[in-house]
Structure formats: C-alpha cells, structure tokens
Amino acid sequence: MHPRLLKTFLAVARNRNFTRAAEEVHLAQSSVSDQIQSLEAELGAALFIRSRSGLELTAAGEALRPYAEELLAIANEARAAVEAASVATAGTVTIGALETIASMKLPQWLPVFQRDHRDIDLRVKVEGSGDLTRKLETGEIDVAFCFDKGDLDERLAKRVISMEPLILITPPAQEASLKTSDLAAIASMNFVVTEVGCVYRHLFDKAFEASGTAAPKLAAEVGSIGTIARLVAARTGSSFVPRFAVADALHRGEIDEMPWPGPMRTASLVMIWRRRRVQPPALKLFLKFVSTGLAPAKSADARPRHAVPSPL
C-alpha cells in the first residue's frame, strides 16, 4: 500500500466527499477516484459506500483507517529521522497551538529552548482545538498546546503545563449591582462567547453546568478571544475566559474582572503529542525541555485586577 494512496484514503474518510478530499490533497477529483479504486483493487474489498449524507466507510474501510494513520505516521517519523541524520541541523519540531496560547505563552517558552538548541528549527501553526488533534494524528504537527477537554485518543499522550485561572470579565466601571458572587445573578447577565466547537465555549458551558446554574443569555457568538475582549469593552456583554487570554486588555483598563464563584475556577493547559516507538531526536529534546523546564504550576497571570472578593 503506497503512502500516497493511504493519504488520499484518509482524506476521503474525513471529508466523505471526493471533491473536498481532492482539494485537501491537491489532486483532481478524477485522480482521487482512481487512487481509491486502485487501493480497493489491491485490498480486494470496497472501502466506501454512498449514502444520502455522503460517502461512508465500509467495515473494511473502518478496519483500514487506524492502520493507514499509523503507517503514515511511521513514514513521517522515518523521514524525519533520516533528515536529522543527514543534515547539519538536529531537525525540526512543528508546534500547533490555539491562537491565544501561541501569542501569549509560546513567546515566553520557545526562546528558552532555542537558546540551548540553536540547531533545531521550530515551526508554529495556529489552529482550532479540533484541527490540532487531527493534525497530530496525521503527523502534520509534532506537538500541540491547548486546553484539556478530557476526551483523548489512546494513541496520544499529554502533560499538564499550567492551571490557568478562569475569570468573569465585565465592561469597565460596571454597575456595582452586577459585581456579585451570586451565580443566579451572574446567569442573568448577557454573555459574549466563542462558537460551539471551540474549546473556550466548552469551558464556558462546562463551568455553568458544574455550578448547577442554567446557561445565561448570549449577546453574541464570535470567533476569537480578542473579539470577545473588544465586545466586552464596548459593553456588549460579559464573558468567562482564561485570565491570561485577556491580560493585556485588563492591564490597559479596557475591561474589569471578577473571580468565578462556581466550582470550576481553573483550566488545564496541556501539551499533547503522539506516542511513538521512536521519537525523532529534535522532538525528544523538546519534550524533555517541556517536561523538566515547564513543570505544572499556577499561571503567572493569576493575580486578579479590579477583582471583587468571593465569599466562596
């Protein structure tokens, strides 16, 4: 089974459509169809069936998928090991991260690693949480920094980097009547949140669920924490976010903060990577650096500003 055919097979499995799969792997639709037919002929089994909602994997296709992912991952690892052994540099580590982590955390960490490992190239890709997991599985990135959602594939490993404080942010000089630690009163506020599927929306929903309080009214759903901070500053509503993600806006006095009075007061910022038989040398050094140099700790951004003490 040629890796090229397996890559196309996985693209079709993800997209459930030849046209979208062709766009992902940069081939003509007819080439994608031909490659799937070649793979089916080689294996002697149909891999897809058509349904009203698109292409579906057959039982044979479902059986092939994890092996295809593993074979491609091993091929990528072999290529990286050969490159590291045949060139002057020790290799490359491709890092994936949520936008806020990439902009607020990585600039603190990566220069420390680069100071002692100048022969290792670091590449950073900013992705959503779903894309980070997918790209780890396909080998497009080596390691991901994101928030722990709990649902981790057994082929992936993780390490907690820090426990990030979660806070309520409100418009500046918010009325005193809304500076409260009462969850029912907080739930009566209008909130600005990210879209469903985003890890920050997951934290928002989980926090209200854990407090036993009905979800509040939403003033707006947006695509980034930066937009949330600007909308809160413009008095569109309040929000519930990791503190470090809005630290700059807090420092400038554009928004105020309140401690979250519910039980879920922190979120685990984690590093995730693929379990491998042999780790590429550069990645092995990077994992060691993070494991020993970034021990689990309370975030440096934990000290509240403009905060109202909570009795809880």
Protein backbone atom coordinates (compact mmCIF):
# COMPACT_ATOMS: atom_id res chain seq x y z
CA MET A 1 0.00 0.00 0.00
CA HIS A 2 1.66 3.17 -1.19
CA PRO A 3 1.58 6.05 1.36
CA ARG A 4 0.13 8.30 -1.36
CA LEU A 5 -2.93 6.04 -1.63
CA LEU A 6 -3.34 5.88 2.15
CA LYS A 7 -3.15 9.68 2.43
CA THR A 8 -5.90 10.01 -0.19
CA PHE A 9 -7.98 7.32 1.52
CA LEU A 10 -7.85 9.20 4.85
CA ALA A 11 -8.74 12.50 3.17
CA VAL A 12 -11.85 10.89 1.65
CA ALA A 13 -12.73 9.30 5.00
CA ARG A 14 -12.54 12.71 6.72
CA ASN A 15 -14.40 14.69 4.07
CA ARG A 16 -16.85 11.97 2.95
CA ASN A 17 -16.68 13.55 -0.47
CA PHE A 18 -14.28 13.16 -3.42
CA THR A 19 -14.35 16.85 -4.33
CA ARG A 20 -13.42 18.13 -0.86
CA ALA A 21 -10.84 15.37 -0.44
CA ALA A 22 -9.28 16.37 -3.79
CA GLU A 23 -8.94 19.96 -2.55
CA GLU A 24 -7.25 18.78 0.65
CA VAL A 25 -4.64 16.61 -1.11
CA HIS A 26 -4.27 18.98 -4.10
CA LEU A 27 -5.36 16.48 -6.78
CA ALA A 28 -8.03 16.39 -9.45
CA GLN A 29 -11.25 14.67 -8.38
CA SER A 30 -10.72 12.00 -11.04
CA SER A 31 -7.26 11.23 -9.59
CA VAL A 32 -8.74 10.78 -6.12
CA SER A 33 -11.36 8.39 -7.52
CA ASP A 34 -8.68 6.45 -9.42
CA GLN A 35 -6.50 6.14 -6.32
CA ILE A 36 -9.36 4.82 -4.20
CA GLN A 37 -10.22 2.28 -6.89
CA SER A 38 -6.55 1.18 -7.03
CA LEU A 39 -6.45 0.74 -3.27
CA GLU A 40 -9.71 -1.22 -3.28
CA ALA A 41 -8.37 -3.45 -6.08
CA GLU A 42 -5.14 -4.06 -4.15
CA LEU A 43 -7.02 -4.99 -0.97
CA GLY A 44 -9.84 -6.84 -2.70
CA ALA A 45 -12.56 -5.00 -0.77
CA ALA A 46 -14.79 -1.96 -1.15
CA LEU A 47 -13.76 0.81 1.24
CA PHE A 48 -16.66 3.25 0.76
CA ILE A 49 -20.38 3.13 0.08
CA ARG A 50 -22.58 6.05 -0.94
CA SER A 51 -25.35 7.33 1.31
CA ARG A 52 -27.62 10.38 1.33
CA SER A 53 -25.19 12.20 3.61
CA GLY A 54 -22.09 11.37 1.57
CA LEU A 55 -19.50 8.61 1.38
CA GLU A 56 -19.46 6.18 4.31
CA LEU A 57 -16.70 3.78 5.27
CA THR A 58 -17.50 0.12 4.88
CA ALA A 59 -16.47 -2.36 7.59
CA ALA A 60 -13.28 -2.94 5.59
CA GLY A 61 -12.67 0.82 5.41
CA GLU A 62 -13.15 1.21 9.17
CA ALA A 63 -10.66 -1.62 9.72
CA LEU A 64 -8.11 0.04 7.42
CA ARG A 65 -8.30 3.58 8.86
CA PRO A 66 -6.23 3.15 12.09
CA TYR A 67 -3.59 1.16 10.21
CA ALA A 68 -3.40 3.82 7.50
CA GLU A 69 -2.91 6.52 10.13
CA GLU A 70 -0.20 4.50 11.85
CA LEU A 71 1.63 3.66 8.63
CA LEU A 72 1.68 7.30 7.53
CA ALA A 73 2.88 8.38 10.96
CA ILE A 74 5.72 5.85 10.86
CA ALA A 75 6.66 7.04 7.36
CA ASN A 76 6.81 10.64 8.61
CA GLU A 77 8.91 9.59 11.60
CA ALA A 78 11.33 7.67 9.37
CA ARG A 79 11.67 10.67 7.06
CA ALA A 80 12.36 12.99 10.00
CA ALA A 81 14.97 10.63 11.44
CA VAL A 82 16.78 10.35 8.09
CA GLU A 83 16.73 14.13 7.63
CA ALA A 84 18.11 14.66 11.13
CA ALA A 85 20.94 12.20 10.46
CA SER A 86 21.87 13.54 7.04
CA VAL A 87 21.90 17.32 7.54
CA ALA A 88 23.76 19.68 9.79
CA THR A 89 20.77 20.62 11.91
CA ALA A 90 19.29 18.36 14.58
CA GLY A 91 15.88 18.56 12.96
CA THR A 92 12.60 20.43 13.10
CA VAL A 93 9.75 20.45 15.62
CA THR A 94 6.36 21.60 14.34
CA ILE A 95 4.20 23.01 17.11
CA GLY A 96 0.46 23.54 16.94
CA ALA A 97 -1.33 25.86 19.35
CA LEU A 98 -4.55 27.75 19.92
CA GLU A 99 -4.23 31.38 18.87
CA THR A 100 -4.18 32.79 22.41
CA ILE A 101 -1.60 30.26 23.58
CA ALA A 102 0.56 30.93 20.51
CA SER A 103 0.50 34.68 21.13
CA MET A 104 0.64 34.79 24.94
CA LYS A 105 2.52 31.66 26.06
CA LEU A 106 4.84 30.44 23.31
CA PRO A 107 6.85 33.71 23.21
CA GLN A 108 7.72 33.03 26.86
CA TRP A 109 8.74 29.40 26.33
CA LEU A 110 10.28 28.96 22.90
CA PRO A 111 13.22 31.40 23.21
CA VAL A 112 14.39 29.49 26.29
CA PHE A 113 14.50 26.26 24.30
CA GLN A 114 16.12 27.90 21.27
CA ARG A 115 18.87 29.40 23.42
CA ASP A 116 20.20 25.90 24.19
CA HIS A 117 19.18 24.21 20.91
CA ARG A 118 20.08 26.60 18.11
CA ASP A 119 20.39 23.72 15.63
CA ILE A 120 16.70 22.81 15.97
CA ASP A 121 14.17 24.68 13.86
CA LEU A 122 10.79 25.42 15.45
CA ARG A 123 7.68 25.93 13.35
CA VAL A 124 4.40 27.14 14.82
CA LYS A 125 0.94 26.57 13.34
CA VAL A 126 -2.13 28.26 14.83
CA GLU A 127 -5.18 26.00 14.73
CA GLY A 128 -8.50 25.31 16.45
CA SER A 129 -8.65 22.51 19.01
CA GLY A 130 -10.28 20.03 16.59
CA ASP A 131 -7.67 20.66 13.89
CA LEU A 132 -4.85 20.29 16.42
CA THR A 133 -5.94 16.76 17.27
CA ARG A 134 -6.41 15.80 13.63
CA LYS A 135 -3.01 17.15 12.63
CA LEU A 136 -1.34 15.31 15.49
CA GLU A 137 -2.91 12.07 14.29
CA THR A 138 -1.79 12.64 10.69
CA GLY A 139 1.70 13.79 11.64
CA GLU A 140 1.30 17.33 10.29
CA ILE A 141 2.35 18.68 13.69
CA ASP A 142 4.57 17.06 16.34
CA VAL A 143 3.10 18.59 19.49
CA ALA A 144 0.05 20.66 20.41
CA PHE A 145 -0.61 23.17 23.19
CA CYS A 146 -4.29 23.55 24.10
CA PHE A 147 -6.77 23.15 26.94
CA ASP A 148 -7.65 19.71 28.27
CA LYS A 149 -11.12 18.56 27.21
CA GLY A 150 -10.68 15.08 28.68
CA ASP A 151 -11.50 13.11 25.51
CA LEU A 152 -8.04 11.96 24.42
CA ASP A 153 -7.28 9.18 21.93
CA GLU A 154 -5.17 6.39 23.45
CA ARG A 155 -2.57 6.98 20.73
CA LEU A 156 -1.89 10.43 22.19
CA ALA A 157 -0.10 11.41 25.40
CA LYS A 158 -0.45 14.63 27.38
CA ARG A 159 1.25 16.61 30.12
CA VAL A 160 -0.29 19.43 32.19
CA ILE A 161 1.74 22.62 31.76
CA SER A 162 -0.21 25.02 33.97
CA MET A 163 -3.52 25.53 35.72
CA GLU A 164 -4.97 28.70 34.23
CA PRO A 165 -7.38 30.84 36.32
CA LEU A 166 -10.82 31.33 34.81
CA ILE A 167 -12.48 34.70 35.39
CA LEU A 168 -15.54 36.72 34.55
CA ILE A 169 -14.76 39.83 32.55
CA THR A 170 -17.15 42.78 32.52
CA PRO A 171 -17.25 46.23 30.89
CA PRO A 172 -15.12 48.84 32.70
CA ALA A 173 -16.77 50.56 35.65
CA GLN A 174 -19.61 48.04 35.61
CA GLU A 175 -22.51 48.94 37.87
CA ALA A 176 -21.92 47.82 41.47
CA SER A 177 -25.17 45.83 41.44
CA LEU A 178 -23.63 43.45 38.90
CA LYS A 179 -20.41 43.00 40.89
CA THR A 180 -21.70 39.90 42.60
CA SER A 181 -20.68 36.41 43.61
CA ASP A 182 -24.24 35.12 43.31
CA LEU A 183 -24.39 32.61 40.46
CA ALA A 184 -28.07 33.26 39.75
CA ALA A 185 -27.34 36.98 39.33
CA ILE A 186 -24.36 36.21 37.11
CA ALA A 187 -26.50 33.91 34.95
CA SER A 188 -28.89 36.85 34.39
CA MET A 189 -26.14 38.79 32.60
CA ASN A 190 -25.72 38.77 28.83
CA PHE A 191 -22.60 36.91 27.71
CA VAL A 192 -20.28 37.07 24.71
CA VAL A 193 -18.87 33.63 23.88
CA THR A 194 -17.00 31.77 21.17
CA GLU A 195 -18.78 29.44 18.76
CA VAL A 196 -19.89 25.89 19.55
CA GLY A 197 -16.98 23.51 18.98
CA CYS A 198 -14.35 25.95 20.27
CA VAL A 199 -12.57 24.86 23.46
CA TYR A 200 -13.35 28.22 25.11
CA ARG A 201 -17.06 27.62 24.52
CA HIS A 202 -16.57 24.16 26.03
CA LEU A 203 -15.10 25.76 29.18
CA PHE A 204 -17.98 28.27 29.35
CA ASP A 205 -20.66 25.60 29.04
CA LYS A 206 -18.91 23.26 31.46
CA ALA A 207 -18.50 25.97 34.11
CA PHE A 208 -22.22 26.76 34.24
CA GLU A 209 -23.07 23.07 34.13
CA ALA A 210 -20.72 22.35 37.06
CA SER A 211 -22.29 25.19 39.08
CA GLY A 212 -25.78 23.78 38.58
CA THR A 213 -26.90 27.08 37.04
CA ALA A 214 -28.86 27.44 33.83
CA ALA A 215 -26.84 28.74 30.88
CA PRO A 216 -27.17 32.54 30.55
CA LYS A 217 -28.46 34.54 27.61
CA LEU A 218 -25.95 35.04 24.83
CA ALA A 219 -25.39 38.52 23.46
CA ALA A 220 -23.06 37.31 20.69
CA GLU A 221 -21.08 34.33 19.42
CA VAL A 222 -17.70 35.24 17.94
CA GLY A 223 -14.58 33.61 16.56
CA SER A 224 -11.82 34.68 18.95
CA ILE A 225 -10.97 35.74 22.49
CA GLY A 226 -9.61 39.04 21.14
CA THR A 227 -13.01 39.86 19.68
CA ILE A 228 -14.65 38.91 22.98
CA ALA A 229 -12.44 41.36 24.90
CA ARG A 230 -13.26 44.19 22.47
CA LEU A 231 -17.01 43.49 22.63
CA VAL A 232 -16.96 43.36 26.44
CA ALA A 233 -15.05 46.66 26.46
CA ALA A 234 -17.79 48.07 24.19
CA ARG A 235 -20.43 46.94 26.75
CA THR A 236 -21.98 44.25 24.54
CA GLY A 237 -21.92 41.84 27.47
CA SER A 238 -19.71 39.95 29.90
CA SER A 239 -17.67 36.80 29.33
CA PHE A 240 -15.94 33.86 31.02
CA VAL A 241 -12.36 33.25 29.87
CA PRO A 242 -8.88 32.14 30.95
CA ARG A 243 -7.26 35.18 32.54
CA PHE A 244 -4.04 35.09 30.54
CA ALA A 245 -6.01 35.39 27.28
CA VAL A 246 -7.22 38.89 28.21
CA ALA A 247 -4.30 40.02 30.40
CA ASP A 248 -3.36 42.88 28.05
CA ALA A 249 -6.90 44.30 27.97
CA LEU A 250 -7.07 44.07 31.78
CA HIS A 251 -3.73 45.84 32.12
CA ARG A 252 -4.93 48.68 29.87
CA GLY A 253 -8.10 49.03 31.94
CA GLU A 254 -10.35 48.29 28.96
CA ILE A 255 -12.25 45.61 30.91
CA ASP A 256 -12.71 44.63 34.55
CA GLU A 257 -12.65 41.18 36.11
CA MET A 258 -14.49 39.23 38.78
CA PRO A 259 -13.49 35.87 40.28
CA TRP A 260 -15.69 32.97 39.20
CA PRO A 261 -17.69 31.84 42.27
CA GLY A 262 -18.51 28.38 40.92
CA PRO A 263 -16.52 25.17 41.49
CA MET A 264 -14.62 25.27 38.16
CA ARG A 265 -12.03 28.00 38.71
CA THR A 266 -9.12 26.79 36.58
CA ALA A 267 -8.50 25.07 33.25
CA SER A 268 -5.62 22.72 32.48
CA LEU A 269 -3.30 23.97 29.75
CA VAL A 270 -1.73 20.82 28.31
CA MET A 271 0.85 19.66 25.82
CA ILE A 272 -0.25 16.72 23.65
CA TRP A 273 1.90 14.53 21.41
CA ARG A 274 1.76 11.21 19.61
CA ARG A 275 3.00 8.08 21.31
CA ARG A 276 5.73 6.67 19.03
CA ARG A 277 8.00 3.69 19.01
CA VAL A 278 10.94 6.01 18.40
CA GLN A 279 10.73 9.76 18.89
CA PRO A 280 12.67 11.91 16.36
CA PRO A 281 15.74 13.39 18.12
CA ALA A 282 14.56 17.01 17.91
CA LEU A 283 11.12 16.19 19.28
CA LYS A 284 12.65 14.08 22.04
CA LEU A 285 14.72 17.07 23.16
CA PHE A 286 11.69 19.39 23.01
CA LEU A 287 9.54 17.00 25.07
CA LYS A 288 12.30 16.72 27.65
CA PHE A 289 12.59 20.51 27.83
CA VAL A 290 8.86 20.96 28.41
CA SER A 291 8.72 18.10 30.93
CA THR A 292 11.60 19.43 33.04
CA GLY A 293 11.51 23.15 32.36
CA LEU A 294 7.77 23.83 32.40
CA ALA A 295 6.61 21.94 35.48
CA PRO A 296 2.86 22.12 36.28
CA ALA A 297 2.29 25.40 38.04
CA LYS A 298 -0.20 28.12 38.76
CA SER A 299 -0.22 30.64 35.94
CA ALA A 300 1.86 33.77 36.38
CA ASP A 301 -1.25 35.65 35.24
CA ALA A 302 -3.20 34.53 38.29
CA ARG A 303 -3.20 37.75 40.30
CA PRO A 304 -6.56 39.45 39.73
CA ARG A 305 -7.03 43.10 38.87
CA HIS A 306 -10.21 45.06 39.64
CA ALA A 307 -11.47 41.90 41.32
CA VAL A 308 -14.35 41.59 43.74
CA PRO A 309 -13.54 39.10 46.57
CA SER A 310 -15.69 36.00 46.52
CA PRO A 311 -17.01 34.58 49.80
CA LEU A 312 -16.70 31.05 48.44
